[in-house]
PDB file of N, CA and C in Angstrom:
ATOM      1  N   MET A   1      91.123  89.639 103.808  1.00  0.00           N
ATOM      2  CA  MET A   1      91.307  89.952 102.163  1.00  0.00           C
ATOM      3  C   MET A   1      91.677  89.046 101.582  1.00  0.00           C
ATOM      4  N   SER A   2      92.553  89.260 100.448  1.00  0.00           N
ATOM      5  CA  SER A   2      92.835  88.372  99.610  1.00  0.00           C
ATOM      6  C   SER A   2      94.492  88.592  99.398  1.00  0.00           C
ATOM      7  N   ASP A   3      95.076  87.538  99.114  1.00  0.00           N
ATOM      8  CA  ASP A   3      96.567  87.793  98.496  1.00  0.00           C
ATOM      9  C   ASP A   3      96.668  88.013  97.199  1.00  0.00           C
ATOM     10  N   GLN A   4      95.332  88.567  96.205  1.00  0.00           N
ATOM     11  CA  GLN A   4      95.515  89.569  95.293  1.00  0.00           C
ATOM     12  C   GLN A   4      95.366  90.868  94.998  1.00  0.00           C
ATOM     13  N   ASP A   5      95.976  91.277  94.147  1.00  0.00           N
ATOM     14  CA  ASP A   5      95.663  93.146  94.468  1.00  0.00           C
ATOM     15  C   ASP A   5      94.196  93.305  94.149  1.00  0.00           C
ATOM     16  N   VAL A   6      93.573  94.154  95.058  1.00  0.00           N
ATOM     17  CA  VAL A   6      92.277  94.564  94.733  1.00  0.00           C
ATOM     18  C   VAL A   6      92.336  96.109  94.568  1.00  0.00           C
ATOM     19  N   ASP A   7      91.399  96.207  93.290  1.00  0.00           N
ATOM     20  CA  ASP A   7      91.011  97.751  92.713  1.00  0.00           C
ATOM     21  C   ASP A   7      89.911  98.068  93.704  1.00  0.00           C
ATOM     22  N   PHE A   8      90.170  98.992  94.661  1.00  0.00           N
ATOM     23  CA  PHE A   8      89.197  99.188  95.400  1.00  0.00           C
ATOM     24  C   PHE A   8      88.230 100.314  94.904  1.00  0.00           C
ATOM     25  N   SER A   9      88.590 100.894  93.863  1.00  0.00           N
ATOM     26  CA  SER A   9      87.577 101.980  93.185  1.00  0.00           C
ATOM     27  C   SER A   9      86.731 100.903  92.388  1.00  0.00           C
ATOM     28  N   SER A  10      86.536  99.534  92.463  1.00  0.00           N
ATOM     29  CA  SER A  10      85.556  98.797  92.003  1.00  0.00           C
ATOM     30  C   SER A  10      84.774  98.241  92.824  1.00  0.00           C
ATOM     31  N   ILE A  11      85.188  98.491  94.440  1.00  0.00           N
ATOM     32  CA  ILE A  11      84.529  98.219  95.306  1.00  0.00           C
ATOM     33  C   ILE A  11      83.607  99.041  95.938  1.00  0.00           C
ATOM     34  N   ARG A  12      82.565  98.660  97.249  1.00  0.00           N
ATOM     35  CA  ARG A  12      81.765  99.773  97.333  1.00  0.00           C
ATOM     36  C   ARG A  12      82.183 100.800  98.258  1.00  0.00           C
ATOM     37  N   GLY A  13      82.378 101.834  98.140  1.00  0.00           N
ATOM     38  CA  GLY A  13      83.146 102.715  98.964  1.00  0.00           C
ATOM     39  C   GLY A  13      84.286 103.430  98.646  1.00  0.00           C
ATOM     40  N   ASP A  14      85.360 103.448  99.190  1.00  0.00           N
ATOM     41  CA  ASP A  14      86.737 104.485  99.034  1.00  0.00           C
ATOM     42  C   ASP A  14      87.315 103.437  99.901  1.00  0.00           C
ATOM     43  N   TRP A  15      89.168 103.894  99.732  1.00  0.00           N
ATOM     44  CA  TRP A  15      89.693 103.246 100.347  1.00  0.00           C
ATOM     45  C   TRP A  15      89.752 103.848 101.588  1.00  0.00           C
ATOM     46  N   PHE A  16      89.581 105.047 102.210  1.00  0.00           N
ATOM     47  CA  PHE A  16      89.229 105.644 103.509  1.00  0.00           C
ATOM     48  C   PHE A  16      87.840 104.371 104.478  1.00  0.00           C
ATOM     49  N   PHE A  17      87.140 104.303 103.431  1.00  0.00           N
ATOM     50  CA  PHE A  17      85.807 103.315 104.094  1.00  0.00           C
ATOM     51  C   PHE A  17      86.689 101.898 104.544  1.00  0.00           C
ATOM     52  N   HIS A  18      87.410 101.209 103.781  1.00  0.00           N
ATOM     53  CA  HIS A  18      87.963  99.988 103.951  1.00  0.00           C
ATOM     54  C   HIS A  18      89.081 100.123 105.024  1.00  0.00           C
ATOM     55  N   MET A  19      89.852 101.303 104.919  1.00  0.00           N
ATOM     56  CA  MET A  19      90.849 101.478 106.040  1.00  0.00           C
ATOM     57  C   MET A  19      90.075 101.558 107.433  1.00  0.00           C
ATOM     58  N   ASN A  20      89.365 102.194 107.583  1.00  0.00           N
ATOM     59  CA  ASN A  20      88.370 102.342 108.682  1.00  0.00           C
ATOM     60  C   ASN A  20      87.680 101.053 109.191  1.00  0.00           C
ATOM     61  N   TYR A  21      87.366 100.358 108.418  1.00  0.00           N
ATOM     62  CA  TYR A  21      86.731  98.786 108.538  1.00  0.00           C
ATOM     63  C   TYR A  21      87.746  98.018 109.468  1.00  0.00           C
ATOM     64  N   LEU A  22      89.009  98.143 108.494  1.00  0.00           N
ATOM     65  CA  LEU A  22      90.381  97.128 109.311  1.00  0.00           C
ATOM     66  C   LEU A  22      90.627  98.021 110.546  1.00  0.00           C
ATOM     67  N   ILE A  23      90.851  99.292 110.468  1.00  0.00           N
ATOM     68  CA  ILE A  23      90.963  99.593 111.694  1.00  0.00           C
ATOM     69  C   ILE A  23      90.172  98.973 113.164  1.00  0.00           C
ATOM     70  N   ASN A  24      88.737  98.835 112.663  1.00  0.00           N
ATOM     71  CA  ASN A  24      87.755  98.677 113.490  1.00  0.00           C
ATOM     72  C   ASN A  24      87.784  96.842 113.963  1.00  0.00           C
ATOM     73  N   ALA A  25      88.314  96.217 112.664  1.00  0.00           N
ATOM     74  CA  ALA A  25      88.022  94.650 113.064  1.00  0.00           C
ATOM     75  C   ALA A  25      89.295  94.400 113.878  1.00  0.00           C
ATOM     76  N   VAL A  26      90.686  95.299 113.548  1.00  0.00           N
ATOM     77  CA  VAL A  26      91.394  94.775 114.458  1.00  0.00           C
ATOM     78  C   VAL A  26      91.672  95.291 115.941  1.00  0.00           C
ATOM     79  N   GLU A  27      90.832  96.519 116.351  1.00  0.00           N
ATOM     80  CA  GLU A  27      90.394  96.643 117.565  1.00  0.00           C
ATOM     81  C   GLU A  27      89.767  95.676 118.188  1.00  0.00           C
ATOM     82  N   GLN A  28      88.750  94.946 117.267  1.00  0.00           N
ATOM     83  CA  GLN A  28      87.991  94.220 117.931  1.00  0.00           C
ATOM     84  C   GLN A  28      88.307  92.904 118.308  1.00  0.00           C
ATOM     85  N   THR A  29      89.312  92.613 117.202  1.00  0.00           N
ATOM     86  CA  THR A  29      89.788  91.303 117.137  1.00  0.00           C
ATOM     87  C   THR A  29      90.923  91.565 118.582  1.00  0.00           C
ATOM     88  N   GLN A  30      91.669  92.412 118.916  1.00  0.00           N
ATOM     89  CA  GLN A  30      92.468  92.776 119.823  1.00  0.00           C
ATOM     90  C   GLN A  30      91.734  92.403 121.267  1.00  0.00           C
ATOM     91  N   LYS A  31      90.611  93.139 121.145  1.00  0.00           N
ATOM     92  CA  LYS A  31      89.773  92.735 122.376  1.00  0.00           C
ATOM     93  C   LYS A  31      89.713  91.661 122.743  1.00  0.00           C
ATOM     94  N   LEU A  32      88.974  90.750 121.914  1.00  0.00           N
ATOM     95  CA  LEU A  32      88.748  89.578 121.591  1.00  0.00           C
ATOM     96  C   LEU A  32      89.898  88.623 122.612  1.00  0.00           C
ATOM     97  N   GLN A  33      91.027  88.865 121.827  1.00  0.00           N
ATOM     98  CA  GLN A  33      92.431  88.301 121.988  1.00  0.00           C
ATOM     99  C   GLN A  33      92.775  88.270 123.537  1.00  0.00           C
ATOM    100  N   GLN A  34      92.567  89.433 124.219  1.00  0.00           N
ATOM    101  CA  GLN A  34      92.988  89.697 125.316  1.00  0.00           C
ATOM    102  C   GLN A  34      91.846  89.052 126.404  1.00  0.00           C
ATOM    103  N   LYS A  35      90.871  89.226 125.920  1.00  0.00           N
ATOM    104  CA  LYS A  35      89.808  88.387 126.860  1.00  0.00           C
ATOM    105  C   LYS A  35      90.087  87.043 126.998  1.00  0.00           C
ATOM    106  N   LEU A  36      90.352  86.369 125.682  1.00  0.00           N
ATOM    107  CA  LEU A  36      90.537  85.134 126.060  1.00  0.00           C
ATOM    108  C   LEU A  36      91.860  84.873 126.648  1.00  0.00           C
ATOM    109  N   TRP A  37      92.970  85.638 126.408  1.00  0.00           N
ATOM    110  CA  TRP A  37      94.206  85.259 127.127  1.00  0.00           C
ATOM    111  C   TRP A  37      93.947  85.624 128.508  1.00  0.00           C
ATOM    112  N   ARG A  38      93.170  86.105 129.115  1.00  0.00           N
ATOM    113  CA  ARG A  38      92.903  86.276 130.685  1.00  0.00           C
ATOM    114  C   ARG A  38      92.514  84.766 130.989  1.00  0.00           C
ATOM    115  N   GLN A  39      91.425  84.625 129.901  1.00  0.00           N
ATOM    116  CA  GLN A  39      90.466  83.133 130.494  1.00  0.00           C
ATOM    117  C   GLN A  39      91.492  82.118 130.540  1.00  0.00           C
ATOM    118  N   VAL A  40      92.541  81.985 129.645  1.00  0.00           N
ATOM    119  CA  VAL A  40      93.493  80.996 129.413  1.00  0.00           C
ATOM    120  C   VAL A  40      94.309  81.141 130.656  1.00  0.00           C
ATOM    121  N   LYS A  41      94.996  82.242 130.984  1.00  0.00           N
ATOM    122  CA  LYS A  41      95.767  82.397 132.297  1.00  0.00           C
ATOM    123  C   LYS A  41      95.038  81.604 133.324  1.00  0.00           C
ATOM    124  N   ALA A  42      93.768  82.020 133.826  1.00  0.00           N
ATOM    125  CA  ALA A  42      92.691  81.756 134.639  1.00  0.00           C
ATOM    126  C   ALA A  42      92.821  80.157 134.729  1.00  0.00           C
ATOM    127  N   ALA A  43      92.728  79.367 133.476  1.00  0.00           N
ATOM    128  CA  ALA A  43      92.638  78.393 133.435  1.00  0.00           C
ATOM    129  C   ALA A  43      93.801  77.331 133.816  1.00  0.00           C
ATOM    130  N   ARG A  44      95.092  78.144 134.147  1.00  0.00           N
ATOM    131  CA  ARG A  44      96.378  77.063 134.305  1.00  0.00           C
ATOM    132  C   ARG A  44      96.132  76.494 135.678  1.00  0.00           C
ATOM    133  N   ASP A  45      96.597  75.209 135.459  1.00  0.00           N
ATOM    134  CA  ASP A  45      97.286  74.119 136.165  1.00  0.00           C
ATOM    135  C   ASP A  45      97.649  74.421 137.827  1.00  0.00           C
ATOM    136  N   GLU A  46      98.127  73.264 138.472  1.00  0.00           N
ATOM    137  CA  GLU A  46      98.766  73.740 139.982  1.00  0.00           C
ATOM    138  C   GLU A  46      99.797  74.070 139.100  1.00  0.00           C
ATOM    139  N   THR A  47     100.546  73.650 138.650  1.00  0.00           N
ATOM    140  CA  THR A  47     101.969  73.921 138.068  1.00  0.00           C
ATOM    141  C   THR A  47     102.044  75.261 137.700  1.00  0.00           C
ATOM    142  N   GLY A  48     101.098  76.188 137.225  1.00  0.00           N
ATOM    143  CA  GLY A  48     101.174  77.118 136.291  1.00  0.00           C
ATOM    144  C   GLY A  48     101.108  77.079 135.105  1.00  0.00           C
ATOM    145  N   ALA A  49     101.371  75.982 134.443  1.00  0.00           N
ATOM    146  CA  ALA A  49     100.950  75.509 132.942  1.00  0.00           C
ATOM    147  C   ALA A  49      99.950  76.148 132.192  1.00  0.00           C
ATOM    148  N   VAL A  50      99.804  76.678 131.109  1.00  0.00           N
ATOM    149  CA  VAL A  50      98.713  76.846 130.463  1.00  0.00           C
ATOM    150  C   VAL A  50      98.183  75.419 129.705  1.00  0.00           C
ATOM    151  N   PRO A  51      97.093  75.692 130.134  1.00  0.00           N
ATOM    152  CA  PRO A  51      96.480  74.061 129.212  1.00  0.00           C
ATOM    153  C   PRO A  51      96.455  74.309 127.796  1.00  0.00           C
ATOM    154  N   VAL A  52      97.568  73.552 127.037  1.00  0.00           N
ATOM    155  CA  VAL A  52      97.861  73.242 125.618  1.00  0.00           C
ATOM    156  C   VAL A  52      97.228  72.087 125.128  1.00  0.00           C
ATOM    157  N   ALA A  53      96.614  71.451 125.756  1.00  0.00           N
ATOM    158  CA  ALA A  53      95.832  69.773 125.465  1.00  0.00           C
ATOM    159  C   ALA A  53      94.753  70.174 124.613  1.00  0.00           C
ATOM    160  N   GLN A  54      94.231  70.080 123.840  1.00  0.00           N
ATOM    161  CA  GLN A  54      92.677  69.806 123.131  1.00  0.00           C
ATOM    162  C   GLN A  54      91.755  70.856 123.937  1.00  0.00           C
ATOM    163  N   ASP A  55      92.290  72.076 124.377  1.00  0.00           N
ATOM    164  CA  ASP A  55      91.393  72.927 125.077  1.00  0.00           C
ATOM    165  C   ASP A  55      90.610  74.182 124.389  1.00  0.00           C
ATOM    166  N   HIS A  56      89.538  73.999 124.081  1.00  0.00           N
ATOM    167  CA  HIS A  56      88.529  74.922 123.162  1.00  0.00           C
ATOM    168  C   HIS A  56      89.220  76.107 123.155  1.00  0.00           C
ATOM    169  N   LEU A  57      89.779  76.270 124.604  1.00  0.00           N
ATOM    170  CA  LEU A  57      89.843  78.200 125.144  1.00  0.00           C
ATOM    171  C   LEU A  57      91.183  78.708 124.441  1.00  0.00           C
ATOM    172  N   VAL A  58      92.227  77.583 124.263  1.00  0.00           N
ATOM    173  CA  VAL A  58      93.445  77.670 123.864  1.00  0.00           C
ATOM    174  C   VAL A  58      92.959  77.810 122.234  1.00  0.00           C
ATOM    175  N   GLU A  59      92.175  77.102 121.745  1.00  0.00           N
ATOM    176  CA  GLU A  59      92.072  76.866 120.158  1.00  0.00           C
ATOM    177  C   GLU A  59      91.038  78.253 119.806  1.00  0.00           C
ATOM    178  N   GLU A  60      90.385  78.786 120.437  1.00  0.00           N
ATOM    179  CA  GLU A  60      90.131  80.081 120.353  1.00  0.00           C
ATOM    180  C   GLU A  60      91.103  81.363 120.181  1.00  0.00           C
ATOM    181  N   PHE A  61      91.982  81.394 121.339  1.00  0.00           N
ATOM    182  CA  PHE A  61      92.892  82.137 121.207  1.00  0.00           C
ATOM    183  C   PHE A  61      93.714  81.907 120.092  1.00  0.00           C
ATOM    184  N   ILE A  62      94.297  80.792 120.161  1.00  0.00           N
ATOM    185  CA  ILE A  62      95.027  80.910 118.670  1.00  0.00           C
ATOM    186  C   ILE A  62      94.417  81.707 117.386  1.00  0.00           C
ATOM    187  N   GLU A  63      93.232  80.865 117.247  1.00  0.00           N
ATOM    188  CA  GLU A  63      92.499  81.552 116.432  1.00  0.00           C
ATOM    189  C   GLU A  63      92.724  83.133 116.068  1.00  0.00           C
ATOM    190  N   ALA A  64      92.149  83.740 117.241  1.00  0.00           N
ATOM    191  CA  ALA A  64      91.865  85.450 117.314  1.00  0.00           C
ATOM    192  C   ALA A  64      93.567  85.926 116.785  1.00  0.00           C
ATOM    193  N   VAL A  65      94.788  85.162 117.498  1.00  0.00           N
ATOM    194  CA  VAL A  65      95.892  85.770 116.928  1.00  0.00           C
ATOM    195  C   VAL A  65      96.008  86.043 115.883  1.00  0.00           C
ATOM    196  N   ARG A  66      95.654  84.576 114.960  1.00  0.00           N
ATOM    197  CA  ARG A  66      95.796  84.129 113.553  1.00  0.00           C
ATOM    198  C   ARG A  66      95.065  85.234 112.574  1.00  0.00           C
ATOM    199  N   MET A  67      94.085  85.565 113.263  1.00  0.00           N
ATOM    200  CA  MET A  67      92.910  86.870 112.493  1.00  0.00           C
ATOM    201  C   MET A  67      93.988  87.854 112.573  1.00  0.00           C
ATOM    202  N   THR A  68      94.332  88.684 114.051  1.00  0.00           N
ATOM    203  CA  THR A  68      94.848  89.773 113.924  1.00  0.00           C
ATOM    204  C   THR A  68      96.301  89.563 113.034  1.00  0.00           C
ATOM    205  N   HIS A  69      96.896  88.488 113.023  1.00  0.00           N
ATOM    206  CA  HIS A  69      97.908  88.372 111.865  1.00  0.00           C
ATOM    207  C   HIS A  69      97.513  88.688 110.544  1.00  0.00           C
ATOM    208  N   SER A  70      96.359  88.117 109.956  1.00  0.00           N
ATOM    209  CA  SER A  70      95.853  88.254 108.848  1.00  0.00           C
ATOM    210  C   SER A  70      95.402  89.838 108.411  1.00  0.00           C
ATOM    211  N   PHE A  71      94.940  90.432 109.705  1.00  0.00           N
ATOM    212  CA  PHE A  71      94.568  91.766 109.585  1.00  0.00           C
ATOM    213  C   PHE A  71      96.043  92.578 109.353  1.00  0.00           C
ATOM    214  N   MET A  72      96.829  92.230 109.508  1.00  0.00           N
ATOM    215  CA  MET A  72      98.208  92.965 109.524  1.00  0.00           C
ATOM    216  C   MET A  72      98.767  92.958 108.106  1.00  0.00           C
ATOM    217  N   ASP A  73      98.631  91.267 107.370  1.00  0.00           N
ATOM    218  CA  ASP A  73      98.805  91.511 105.928  1.00  0.00           C
ATOM    219  C   ASP A  73      98.173  92.439 105.081  1.00  0.00           C
ATOM    220  N   ASP A  74      96.685  92.696 105.427  1.00  0.00           N
ATOM    221  CA  ASP A  74      95.584  93.378 104.663  1.00  0.00           C
ATOM    222  C   ASP A  74      96.240  94.943 105.175  1.00  0.00           C
ATOM    223  N   LEU A  75      96.829  95.155 106.352  1.00  0.00           N
ATOM    224  CA  LEU A  75      97.252  96.655 106.540  1.00  0.00           C
ATOM    225  C   LEU A  75      98.348  97.010 105.603  1.00  0.00           C
ATOM    226  N   ILE A  76      99.122  95.887 105.252  1.00  0.00           N
ATOM    227  CA  ILE A  76     100.157  96.062 104.181  1.00  0.00           C
ATOM    228  C   ILE A  76      99.831  96.174 103.233  1.00  0.00           C
ATOM    229  N   MET A  77      98.652  95.710 102.644  1.00  0.00           N
ATOM    230  CA  MET A  77      98.114  95.774 101.535  1.00  0.00           C
ATOM    231  C   MET A  77      97.400  97.153 101.046  1.00  0.00           C
ATOM    232  N   MET A  78      96.492  97.261 102.085  1.00  0.00           N
ATOM    233  CA  MET A  78      95.962  98.756 102.473  1.00  0.00           C
ATOM    234  C   MET A  78      97.153  99.941 101.947  1.00  0.00           C
ATOM    235  N   ARG A  79      97.969  99.918 102.825  1.00  0.00           N
ATOM    236  CA  ARG A  79      99.326 100.841 102.576  1.00  0.00           C
ATOM    237  C   ARG A  79      99.790 101.021 101.424  1.00  0.00           C
ATOM    238  N   GLU A  80      99.963  99.816 100.563  1.00  0.00           N
ATOM    239  CA  GLU A  80     100.180  99.816  99.159  1.00  0.00           C
ATOM    240  C   GLU A  80      99.303 100.287  98.184  1.00  0.00           C
ATOM    241  N   GLN A  81      97.757 100.314  98.439  1.00  0.00           N
ATOM    242  CA  GLN A  81      97.055 100.473  97.864  1.00  0.00           C
ATOM    243  C   GLN A  81      96.716 102.028  97.815  1.00  0.00           C
ATOM    244  N   ARG A  82      97.006 102.835  98.997  1.00  0.00           N
ATOM    245  CA  ARG A  82      96.478 104.295  99.451  1.00  0.00           C
ATOM    246  C   ARG A  82      96.833 105.465  98.354  1.00  0.00           C
ATOM    247  N   PRO A  83      95.668 106.223  97.987  1.00  0.00           N
ATOM    248  CA  PRO A  83      95.277 106.784  96.813  1.00  0.00           C
ATOM    249  C   PRO A  83      96.451 107.665  96.749  1.00  0.00           C
ATOM    250  N   ALA A  84      96.349 108.490  95.774  1.00  0.00           N
ATOM    251  CA  ALA A  84      97.845 109.691  95.863  1.00  0.00           C
ATOM    252  C   ALA A  84      96.903 110.848  96.515  1.00  0.00           C
ATOM    253  N   LYS A  85      97.642 111.735  97.107  1.00  0.00           N
ATOM    254  CA  LYS A  85      96.959 113.150  97.614  1.00  0.00           C
ATOM    255  C   LYS A  85      96.807 113.829  96.638  1.00  0.00           C
ATOM    256  N   ALA A  86      95.924 114.694  96.870  1.00  0.00           N
ATOM    257  CA  ALA A  86      95.076 115.801  95.880  1.00  0.00           C
ATOM    258  C   ALA A  86      96.292 116.788  95.745  1.00  0.00           C
ATOM    259  N   SER A  87      96.389 117.126  94.546  1.00  0.00           N
ATOM    260  CA  SER A  87      97.362 118.103  94.032  1.00  0.00           C
ATOM    261  C   SER A  87      97.246 119.733  94.680  1.00  0.00           C
ATOM    262  N   LYS A  88      98.646 120.362  94.821  1.00  0.00           N
ATOM    263  CA  LYS A  88      97.988 121.658  95.213  1.00  0.00           C
ATOM    264  C   LYS A  88      97.039 122.766  94.984  1.00  0.00           C
ATOM    265  N   LYS A  89      97.011 122.421  93.402  1.00  0.00           N
ATOM    266  CA  LYS A  89      96.194 123.305  92.447  1.00  0.00           C
ATOM    267  C   LYS A  89      94.617 123.144  93.030  1.00  0.00           C
ATOM    268  N   LYS A  90      94.258 121.605  93.066  1.00  0.00           N
ATOM    269  CA  LYS A  90      93.071 121.185  93.390  1.00  0.00           C
ATOM    270  C   LYS A  90      92.953 121.991  95.031  1.00  0.00           C
ATOM    271  N   ALA A  91      93.686 121.522  95.821  1.00  0.00           N
ATOM    272  CA  ALA A  91      93.332 121.835  97.330  1.00  0.00           C
ATOM    273  C   ALA A  91      92.909 123.359  97.319  1.00  0.00           C
ATOM    274  N   SER A  92      93.842 124.365  96.360  1.00  0.00           N
ATOM    275  CA  SER A  92      93.931 125.768  96.581  1.00  0.00           C
ATOM    276  C   SER A  92      92.423 125.994  95.886  1.00  0.00           C
ATOM    277  N   LYS A  93      91.955 125.666  94.909  1.00  0.00           N
ATOM    278  CA  LYS A  93      90.641 125.683  94.195  1.00  0.00           C
ATOM    279  C   LYS A  93      89.598 125.468  95.367  1.00  0.00           C
ATOM    280  N   LYS A  94      89.555 124.384  95.978  1.00  0.00           N
ATOM    281  CA  LYS A  94      88.810 123.834  97.018  1.00  0.00           C
ATOM    282  C   LYS A  94      88.615 125.330  98.269  1.00  0.00           C
ATOM    283  N   LYS A  95      89.781 125.627  98.613  1.00  0.00           N
ATOM    284  CA  LYS A  95      89.753 126.843  99.406  1.00  0.00           C
ATOM    285  C   LYS A  95      89.300 127.781  99.360  1.00  0.00           C
ATOM    286  N   ALA A  96      89.525 128.226  97.510  1.00  0.00           N
ATOM    287  CA  ALA A  96      88.997 129.369  97.215  1.00  0.00           C
ATOM    288  C   ALA A  96      87.309 129.466  97.317  1.00  0.00           C
ATOM    289  N   GLY A  97      87.154 128.331  97.043  1.00  0.00           N
ATOM    290  CA  GLY A  97      85.508 127.877  96.826  1.00  0.00           C
ATOM    291  C   GLY A  97      84.887 128.151  98.015  1.00  0.00           C
ATOM    292  N   LYS A  98      85.921 127.758  98.901  1.00  0.00           N
ATOM    293  CA  LYS A  98      84.993 127.892 100.465  1.00  0.00           C
ATOM    294  C   LYS A  98      85.234 129.395 100.916  1.00  0.00           C
ATOM    295  N   LYS A  99      85.857 130.106 100.302  1.00  0.00           N
ATOM    296  CA  LYS A  99      85.926 131.522 101.146  1.00  0.00           C
ATOM    297  C   LYS A  99      84.664 132.170 100.144  1.00  0.00           C
ATOM    298  N   LYS A 100      84.890 131.812  99.160  1.00  0.00           N
ATOM    299  CA  LYS A 100      83.529 132.572  97.997  1.00  0.00           C
ATOM    300  C   LYS A 100      82.329 132.225  98.860  1.00  0.00           C
ATOM    301  N   ALA A 101      82.165 131.054  99.288  1.00  0.00           N
ATOM    302  CA  ALA A 101      80.528 130.665  99.915  1.00  0.00           C
ATOM    303  C   ALA A 101      80.332 131.396 101.031  1.00  0.00           C
ATOM    304  N   SER A 102      81.330 131.458 101.953  1.00  0.00           N
ATOM    305  CA  SER A 102      81.330 132.079 103.502  1.00  0.00           C
ATOM    306  C   SER A 102      81.226 133.506 102.782  1.00  0.00           C
ATOM    307  N   LYS A 103      81.749 134.319 102.059  1.00  0.00           N
ATOM    308  CA  LYS A 103      81.517 135.544 101.759  1.00  0.00           C
ATOM    309  C   LYS A 103      80.079 135.822 101.574  1.00  0.00           C
ATOM    310  N   LYS A 104      79.529 134.755 100.707  1.00  0.00           N
ATOM    311  CA  LYS A 104      77.933 134.587 100.178  1.00  0.00           C
ATOM    312  C   LYS A 104      77.084 134.459 101.410  1.00  0.00           C
ATOM    313  N   LYS A 105      77.486 133.884 101.953  1.00  0.00           N
ATOM    314  CA  LYS A 105      76.743 133.801 103.397  1.00  0.00           C
ATOM    315  C   LYS A 105      76.784 134.903 104.389  1.00  0.00           C
ATOM    316  N   ALA A 106      77.936 135.683 104.371  1.00  0.00           N
ATOM    317  CA  ALA A 106      77.891 136.612 105.209  1.00  0.00           C
ATOM    318  C   ALA A 106      77.005 137.610 104.672  1.00  0.00           C
ATOM    319  N   SER A 107      77.060 138.223 103.249  1.00  0.00           N
ATOM    320  CA  SER A 107      76.261 139.315 102.897  1.00  0.00           C
ATOM    321  C   SER A 107      75.168 138.879 102.699  1.00  0.00           C
ATOM    322  N   LYS A 108      74.461 137.527 102.476  1.00  0.00           N
ATOM    323  CA  LYS A 108      73.221 137.085 102.960  1.00  0.00           C
ATOM    324  C   LYS A 108      72.716 137.838 104.352  1.00  0.00           C
ATOM    325  N   LYS A 109      73.458 137.276 105.277  1.00  0.00           N
ATOM    326  CA  LYS A 109      73.381 137.267 106.454  1.00  0.00           C
ATOM    327  C   LYS A 109      72.927 139.088 106.909  1.00  0.00           C
ATOM    328  N   LYS A 110      73.938 139.826 105.828  1.00  0.00           N
ATOM    329  CA  LYS A 110      74.001 141.442 106.386  1.00  0.00           C
ATOM    330  C   LYS A 110      72.311 141.967 105.540  1.00  0.00           C
ATOM    331  N   ALA A 111      72.187 141.422 104.217  1.00  0.00           N
ATOM    332  CA  ALA A 111      71.040 141.621 103.884  1.00  0.00           C
ATOM    333  C   ALA A 111      69.558 141.164 104.327  1.00  0.00           C
ATOM    334  N   SER A 112      69.461 140.278 105.180  1.00  0.00           N
ATOM    335  CA  SER A 112      68.533 140.056 105.840  1.00  0.00           C
ATOM    336  C   SER A 112      68.200 140.735 107.095  1.00  0.00           C
ATOM    337  N   LYS A 113      69.487 141.114 108.095  1.00  0.00           N
ATOM    338  CA  LYS A 113      69.178 142.182 108.970  1.00  0.00           C
ATOM    339  C   LYS A 113      68.819 143.443 108.359  1.00  0.00           C
ATOM    340  N   LYS A 114      69.194 143.704 107.156  1.00  0.00           N
ATOM    341  CA  LYS A 114      68.689 145.105 106.907  1.00  0.00           C
ATOM    342  C   LYS A 114      67.282 145.045 106.484  1.00  0.00           C
ATOM    343  N   LYS A 115      66.543 144.229 106.039  1.00  0.00           N
ATOM    344  CA  LYS A 115      65.169 144.051 105.732  1.00  0.00           C
ATOM    345  C   LYS A 115      64.383 143.899 107.279  1.00  0.00           C
ATOM    346  N   ALA A 116      64.897 143.296 107.968  1.00  0.00           N
ATOM    347  CA  ALA A 116      64.339 143.010 109.228  1.00  0.00           C
ATOM    348  C   ALA A 116      64.318 144.199 109.979  1.00  0.00           C
ATOM    349  N   SER A 117      65.201 145.290 109.816  1.00  0.00           N
ATOM    350  CA  SER A 117      65.436 146.759 110.533  1.00  0.00           C
ATOM    351  C   SER A 117      64.570 147.307 109.815  1.00  0.00           C
ATOM    352  N   LYS A 118      64.237 147.697 108.530  1.00  0.00           N
ATOM    353  CA  LYS A 118      63.549 148.251 108.020  1.00  0.00           C
ATOM    354  C   LYS A 118      61.905 147.907 107.914  1.00  0.00           C
ATOM    355  N   LYS A 119      61.815 146.750 108.126  1.00  0.00           N
ATOM    356  CA  LYS A 119      60.388 146.421 108.679  1.00  0.00           C
ATOM    357  C   LYS A 119      60.140 146.981 110.070  1.00  0.00           C
ATOM    358  N   LYS A 120      61.242 146.717 111.148  1.00  0.00           N
ATOM    359  CA  LYS A 120      60.706 147.334 112.376  1.00  0.00           C
ATOM    360  C   LYS A 120      60.487 148.898 112.201  1.00  0.00           C
ATOM    361  N   ALA A 121      61.046 149.512 111.520  1.00  0.00           N
ATOM    362  CA  ALA A 121      61.294 151.214 111.215  1.00  0.00           C
ATOM    363  C   ALA A 121      59.717 151.055 110.624  1.00  0.00           C
ATOM    364  N   ALA A 122      59.454 150.513 109.585  1.00  0.00           N
ATOM    365  CA  ALA A 122      58.206 150.725 109.017  1.00  0.00           C
ATOM    366  C   ALA A 122      56.697 150.487 110.080  1.00  0.00           C
ATOM    367  N   LYS A 123      57.054 149.294 111.117  1.00  0.00           N
ATOM    368  CA  LYS A 123      55.871 149.179 111.906  1.00  0.00           C
ATOM    369  C   LYS A 123      55.915 150.226 113.186  1.00  0.00           C
ATOM    370  N   LYS A 124      57.106 151.012 113.693  1.00  0.00           N
ATOM    371  CA  LYS A 124      57.076 152.116 114.168  1.00  0.00           C
ATOM    372  C   LYS A 124      56.198 153.546 113.683  1.00  0.00           C
ATOM    373  N   LYS A 125      55.972 153.592 112.576  1.00  0.00           N
ATOM    374  CA  LYS A 125      55.605 154.757 111.690  1.00  0.00           C
ATOM    375  C   LYS A 125      54.060 154.207 111.929  1.00  0.00           C
TER     376      LYS A 125
END
């Protein structure tokens, strides 16, 4: 990301979208970092020293470490930008709305069962 404050409302998606993206990026970079470190350790010389002289493998590992560090800076920025939690009034209204919807579904199911039983009774006659 960048050093400037970012208004997440103006970007595609929302805070949670960007947080999930960041988490995925960190996980993938850490996997790459571990893979490269295993390769660097396998390339040690007879004395056991890691090859630090102009080796492309070491350079790739260093770049992966830098990427992980930059993601940690982004994580700090995301933490500062976290949206406020919904108020208790809004949360209670959502719960009440869900309860009403579930009651409506239950009453519709009962009505459809009654209709079906009436149709069966009419067919028997």
